[in-house]
């Protein structure tokens, strides 16, 4: 697998992670089983893509990129859907995560 394809797997894995987090919230602590089960299936799929990506990218880089994109995506989605307000410090933290992911994604 090429590094480019591995990075695409990581981006898709992060998107599945974000979707899983959204569904997990919607499951209301698994009181609503369908969103909870879908969340579990999505996170398993995300781990599957991560396992493919580490064939071409070091685990430390792959996990950091996946985790960073998942954090960014989840934070931005929760801001949009739940009205979460970020302080200037929170925005700075998200910018640092984005910068870190960009550096790691280019080979660290």
N, C-alpha and C. Protein backbone atom coordinates (compact mmCIF):
# COMPACT_ATOMS: atom_id res chain seq x y z
N UNK A 1 0.86 -1.18 0.00
CA UNK A 1 0.00 0.00 0.00
C UNK A 1 0.90 1.24 0.00
N UNK A 2 0.51 2.23 -0.80
CA UNK A 2 1.28 3.47 -0.84
C UNK A 2 0.96 4.34 0.37
N UNK A 3 1.85 5.26 0.66
CA UNK A 3 1.63 6.19 1.77
C UNK A 3 0.40 7.05 1.49
N UNK A 4 0.21 7.46 0.25
CA UNK A 4 -0.95 8.28 -0.11
C UNK A 4 -2.24 7.54 0.18
N UNK A 5 -2.32 6.27 -0.21
CA UNK A 5 -3.52 5.48 0.06
C UNK A 5 -3.70 5.27 1.56
N UNK A 6 -2.60 5.08 2.27
CA UNK A 6 -2.67 4.92 3.73
C UNK A 6 -3.23 6.19 4.38
N UNK A 7 -2.79 7.34 3.90
CA UNK A 7 -3.31 8.60 4.46
C UNK A 7 -4.79 8.77 4.14
N UNK A 8 -5.21 8.33 2.97
CA UNK A 8 -6.64 8.36 2.64
C UNK A 8 -7.43 7.46 3.59
N UNK A 9 -6.87 6.30 3.90
CA UNK A 9 -7.51 5.40 4.87
C UNK A 9 -7.62 6.08 6.23
N UNK A 10 -6.59 6.82 6.62
CA UNK A 10 -6.62 7.51 7.90
C UNK A 10 -7.69 8.60 7.93
N UNK A 11 -7.81 9.35 6.85
CA UNK A 11 -8.84 10.39 6.79
C UNK A 11 -10.23 9.77 6.86
N UNK A 12 -10.44 8.69 6.14
CA UNK A 12 -11.74 8.01 6.19
C UNK A 12 -11.98 7.42 7.58
N UNK A 13 -10.94 6.86 8.18
CA UNK A 13 -11.07 6.31 9.55
C UNK A 13 -11.46 7.42 10.53
N UNK A 14 -10.86 8.59 10.36
CA UNK A 14 -11.21 9.72 11.25
C UNK A 14 -12.65 10.14 11.04
N UNK A 15 -13.11 10.16 9.78
CA UNK A 15 -14.51 10.52 9.51
C UNK A 15 -15.46 9.51 10.15
N UNK A 16 -15.11 8.23 10.08
CA UNK A 16 -15.93 7.20 10.74
C UNK A 16 -15.91 7.37 12.25
N UNK A 17 -14.77 7.77 12.79
CA UNK A 17 -14.65 8.02 14.22
C UNK A 17 -15.57 9.16 14.64
N UNK A 18 -15.57 10.23 13.88
CA UNK A 18 -16.43 11.38 14.18
C UNK A 18 -17.90 10.96 14.11
N UNK A 19 -18.27 10.25 13.06
CA UNK A 19 -19.65 9.79 12.93
C UNK A 19 -20.03 8.88 14.10
N UNK A 20 -19.10 8.03 14.51
CA UNK A 20 -19.34 7.15 15.64
C UNK A 20 -19.58 7.95 16.92
N UNK A 21 -18.79 9.00 17.13
CA UNK A 21 -18.96 9.83 18.31
C UNK A 21 -20.32 10.53 18.32
N UNK A 22 -20.74 11.01 17.16
CA UNK A 22 -22.05 11.66 17.05
C UNK A 22 -23.15 10.66 17.38
N UNK A 23 -23.06 9.46 16.81
CA UNK A 23 -24.07 8.44 17.09
C UNK A 23 -24.05 8.01 18.55
N UNK A 24 -22.86 7.96 19.14
CA UNK A 24 -22.77 7.58 20.54
C UNK A 24 -23.51 8.58 21.43
N UNK A 25 -23.39 9.84 21.11
CA UNK A 25 -24.13 10.85 21.87
C UNK A 25 -25.64 10.67 21.65
N UNK A 26 -26.01 10.39 20.42
CA UNK A 26 -27.42 10.21 20.10
C UNK A 26 -28.01 8.95 20.77
N UNK A 27 -27.14 8.01 21.13
CA UNK A 27 -27.63 6.78 21.77
C UNK A 27 -28.06 7.01 23.21
N UNK A 28 -27.70 8.18 23.76
CA UNK A 28 -28.07 8.53 25.13
C UNK A 28 -27.63 7.44 26.12
N UNK A 29 -26.35 7.14 26.07
CA UNK A 29 -25.81 6.13 26.98
C UNK A 29 -26.31 4.74 26.67
N UNK A 30 -26.55 4.44 25.42
CA UNK A 30 -27.06 3.16 24.92
C UNK A 30 -28.50 2.89 25.33
N UNK A 31 -29.21 3.93 25.78
CA UNK A 31 -30.64 3.75 26.03
C UNK A 31 -31.40 3.63 24.72
N UNK A 32 -30.85 4.20 23.66
CA UNK A 32 -31.38 4.03 22.31
C UNK A 32 -30.42 3.09 21.58
N UNK A 33 -30.79 1.84 21.42
CA UNK A 33 -29.83 0.85 20.95
C UNK A 33 -29.35 1.03 19.50
N UNK A 34 -30.19 1.49 18.60
CA UNK A 34 -29.77 1.57 17.20
C UNK A 34 -28.58 2.51 17.00
N UNK A 35 -28.64 3.75 17.49
CA UNK A 35 -27.45 4.59 17.32
C UNK A 35 -26.22 4.02 18.03
N UNK A 36 -26.43 3.36 19.16
CA UNK A 36 -25.30 2.77 19.88
C UNK A 36 -24.64 1.64 19.11
N UNK A 37 -25.44 0.78 18.52
CA UNK A 37 -24.90 -0.33 17.73
C UNK A 37 -24.22 0.20 16.48
N UNK A 38 -24.83 1.19 15.83
CA UNK A 38 -24.21 1.80 14.65
C UNK A 38 -22.87 2.44 15.02
N UNK A 39 -22.80 3.09 16.18
CA UNK A 39 -21.56 3.69 16.64
C UNK A 39 -20.47 2.63 16.79
N UNK A 40 -20.82 1.50 17.37
CA UNK A 40 -19.85 0.41 17.53
C UNK A 40 -19.38 -0.12 16.18
N UNK A 41 -20.30 -0.28 15.23
CA UNK A 41 -19.92 -0.77 13.91
C UNK A 41 -18.99 0.22 13.19
N UNK A 42 -19.29 1.51 13.34
CA UNK A 42 -18.44 2.51 12.70
C UNK A 42 -17.04 2.55 13.30
N UNK A 43 -16.96 2.44 14.62
CA UNK A 43 -15.63 2.49 15.24
C UNK A 43 -14.82 1.23 14.90
N UNK A 44 -15.50 0.10 14.78
CA UNK A 44 -14.80 -1.12 14.33
C UNK A 44 -14.28 -0.94 12.91
N UNK A 45 -15.08 -0.31 12.05
CA UNK A 45 -14.64 -0.03 10.69
C UNK A 45 -13.46 0.93 10.68
N UNK A 46 -13.50 1.92 11.56
CA UNK A 46 -12.39 2.88 11.66
C UNK A 46 -11.10 2.16 12.07
N UNK A 47 -11.20 1.25 13.03
CA UNK A 47 -10.02 0.49 13.43
C UNK A 47 -9.52 -0.39 12.29
N UNK A 48 -10.44 -0.93 11.50
CA UNK A 48 -10.04 -1.72 10.33
C UNK A 48 -9.23 -0.89 9.35
N UNK A 49 -9.69 0.34 9.10
CA UNK A 49 -8.94 1.23 8.20
C UNK A 49 -7.59 1.63 8.82
N UNK A 50 -7.57 1.85 10.12
CA UNK A 50 -6.31 2.15 10.79
C UNK A 50 -5.34 0.99 10.62
N UNK A 51 -5.84 -0.23 10.74
CA UNK A 51 -4.95 -1.40 10.59
C UNK A 51 -4.39 -1.50 9.17
N UNK A 52 -5.16 -1.06 8.18
CA UNK A 52 -4.64 -1.03 6.81
C UNK A 52 -3.58 0.05 6.66
N UNK A 53 -3.84 1.20 7.26
CA UNK A 53 -2.92 2.34 7.11
C UNK A 53 -1.55 2.05 7.72
N UNK A 54 -1.50 1.28 8.80
CA UNK A 54 -0.21 1.06 9.46
C UNK A 54 0.68 0.10 8.68
N UNK A 55 0.19 -0.38 7.56
CA UNK A 55 1.06 -1.16 6.66
C UNK A 55 2.09 -0.25 5.99
N UNK A 56 1.72 1.02 5.82
CA UNK A 56 2.60 1.94 5.09
C UNK A 56 3.05 3.14 5.92
N UNK A 57 2.40 3.37 7.04
CA UNK A 57 2.70 4.52 7.89
C UNK A 57 3.02 4.00 9.28
N UNK A 58 4.04 4.54 9.94
CA UNK A 58 4.34 4.09 11.31
C UNK A 58 3.11 4.26 12.22
N UNK A 59 2.92 3.32 13.13
CA UNK A 59 1.77 3.35 14.02
C UNK A 59 1.66 4.66 14.77
N UNK A 60 2.78 5.18 15.26
CA UNK A 60 2.73 6.42 16.04
C UNK A 60 2.19 7.58 15.21
N UNK A 61 2.58 7.66 13.97
CA UNK A 61 2.10 8.72 13.08
C UNK A 61 0.65 8.48 12.72
N UNK A 62 0.32 7.24 12.35
CA UNK A 62 -1.06 6.92 11.95
C UNK A 62 -2.04 7.20 13.08
N UNK A 63 -1.71 6.76 14.28
CA UNK A 63 -2.63 6.94 15.40
C UNK A 63 -2.78 8.42 15.75
N UNK A 64 -1.69 9.16 15.69
CA UNK A 64 -1.76 10.60 15.99
C UNK A 64 -2.60 11.34 14.96
N UNK A 65 -2.42 11.01 13.69
CA UNK A 65 -3.22 11.66 12.63
C UNK A 65 -4.69 11.31 12.80
N UNK A 66 -4.98 10.03 13.00
CA UNK A 66 -6.36 9.58 13.18
C UNK A 66 -6.99 10.24 14.40
N UNK A 67 -6.28 10.21 15.50
CA UNK A 67 -6.82 10.80 16.73
C UNK A 67 -7.00 12.31 16.61
N UNK A 68 -6.02 12.98 16.03
CA UNK A 68 -6.11 14.43 15.89
C UNK A 68 -7.27 14.85 15.00
N UNK A 69 -7.42 14.17 13.86
CA UNK A 69 -8.54 14.49 12.97
C UNK A 69 -9.88 14.16 13.64
N UNK A 70 -9.91 13.08 14.41
CA UNK A 70 -11.13 12.72 15.13
C UNK A 70 -11.51 13.77 16.16
N UNK A 71 -10.52 14.27 16.88
CA UNK A 71 -10.77 15.32 17.88
C UNK A 71 -11.27 16.58 17.20
N UNK A 72 -10.59 17.00 16.14
CA UNK A 72 -11.01 18.21 15.42
C UNK A 72 -12.42 18.07 14.87
N UNK A 73 -12.67 16.97 14.21
CA UNK A 73 -14.00 16.76 13.62
C UNK A 73 -15.10 16.71 14.66
N UNK A 74 -14.86 15.98 15.73
CA UNK A 74 -15.87 15.86 16.78
C UNK A 74 -16.13 17.21 17.44
N UNK A 75 -15.07 17.97 17.69
CA UNK A 75 -15.24 19.29 18.31
C UNK A 75 -16.05 20.21 17.40
N UNK A 76 -15.72 20.23 16.12
CA UNK A 76 -16.42 21.13 15.20
C UNK A 76 -17.87 20.71 14.97
N UNK A 77 -18.12 19.41 14.90
CA UNK A 77 -19.50 18.92 14.75
C UNK A 77 -20.31 19.25 16.00
N UNK A 78 -19.73 19.06 17.18
CA UNK A 78 -20.46 19.35 18.41
C UNK A 78 -20.74 20.85 18.53
N UNK A 79 -19.82 21.66 18.01
CA UNK A 79 -20.06 23.11 18.01
C UNK A 79 -21.26 23.43 17.12
N UNK A 80 -21.33 22.77 15.98
CA UNK A 80 -22.41 23.03 15.02
C UNK A 80 -23.75 22.47 15.49
N UNK A 81 -23.74 21.24 15.99
CA UNK A 81 -25.02 20.57 16.31
C UNK A 81 -25.50 20.83 17.73
N UNK A 82 -24.58 21.02 18.67
CA UNK A 82 -24.95 21.17 20.07
C UNK A 82 -24.75 22.58 20.60
N UNK A 83 -24.24 23.47 19.76
CA UNK A 83 -24.04 24.85 20.19
C UNK A 83 -22.91 25.04 21.17
N UNK A 84 -21.94 24.13 21.18
CA UNK A 84 -20.80 24.26 22.08
C UNK A 84 -20.01 25.51 21.70
N UNK A 85 -19.67 26.32 22.69
CA UNK A 85 -18.91 27.55 22.45
C UNK A 85 -17.46 27.31 22.87
N UNK A 86 -16.54 27.73 22.03
CA UNK A 86 -15.12 27.56 22.32
C UNK A 86 -14.52 28.89 22.77
N UNK A 87 -13.70 28.82 23.78
CA UNK A 87 -12.94 29.99 24.22
C UNK A 87 -11.79 30.21 23.24
N UNK A 88 -11.16 31.38 23.29
CA UNK A 88 -9.98 31.58 22.44
C UNK A 88 -8.89 30.52 22.69
N UNK A 89 -8.74 30.10 23.93
CA UNK A 89 -7.77 29.05 24.23
C UNK A 89 -8.12 27.73 23.58
N UNK A 90 -9.41 27.41 23.54
CA UNK A 90 -9.86 26.17 22.89
C UNK A 90 -9.58 26.23 21.39
N UNK A 91 -9.86 27.39 20.78
CA UNK A 91 -9.55 27.54 19.36
C UNK A 91 -8.04 27.39 19.11
N UNK A 92 -7.24 27.95 20.00
CA UNK A 92 -5.79 27.82 19.87
C UNK A 92 -5.37 26.36 19.98
N UNK A 93 -5.98 25.65 20.89
CA UNK A 93 -5.68 24.22 21.04
C UNK A 93 -6.04 23.43 19.80
N UNK A 94 -7.20 23.72 19.22
CA UNK A 94 -7.60 23.04 17.99
C UNK A 94 -6.64 23.38 16.85
N UNK A 95 -6.18 24.62 16.80
CA UNK A 95 -5.22 25.02 15.77
C UNK A 95 -3.90 24.27 15.95
N UNK A 96 -3.48 24.09 17.18
CA UNK A 96 -2.26 23.33 17.44
C UNK A 96 -2.41 21.87 17.01
N UNK A 97 -3.57 21.30 17.28
CA UNK A 97 -3.82 19.92 16.84
C UNK A 97 -3.77 19.84 15.33
N UNK A 98 -4.42 20.79 14.65
CA UNK A 98 -4.42 20.80 13.19
C UNK A 98 -2.99 20.92 12.65
N UNK A 99 -2.20 21.81 13.24
CA UNK A 99 -0.81 21.95 12.82
C UNK A 99 -0.01 20.69 13.05
N UNK A 100 -0.25 20.05 14.18
CA UNK A 100 0.46 18.79 14.47
C UNK A 100 0.10 17.71 13.47
N UNK A 101 -1.18 17.61 13.15
CA UNK A 101 -1.63 16.61 12.17
C UNK A 101 -1.01 16.90 10.81
N UNK A 102 -0.94 18.18 10.43
CA UNK A 102 -0.35 18.53 9.14
C UNK A 102 1.13 18.14 9.09
N UNK A 103 1.86 18.41 10.16
CA UNK A 103 3.29 18.05 10.19
C UNK A 103 3.46 16.54 10.15
N UNK A 104 2.69 15.82 10.96
CA UNK A 104 2.81 14.36 10.99
C UNK A 104 2.38 13.75 9.67
N UNK A 105 1.35 14.32 9.06
CA UNK A 105 0.86 13.79 7.79
C UNK A 105 1.88 13.92 6.66
N UNK A 106 2.80 14.84 6.80
CA UNK A 106 3.84 15.04 5.80
C UNK A 106 5.09 14.21 6.11
N UNK A 107 4.97 13.34 7.08
CA UNK A 107 6.11 12.45 7.38
C UNK A 107 6.82 12.78 8.67
N UNK A 108 6.29 13.79 9.38
CA UNK A 108 6.79 14.13 10.71
C UNK A 108 8.21 14.53 10.76
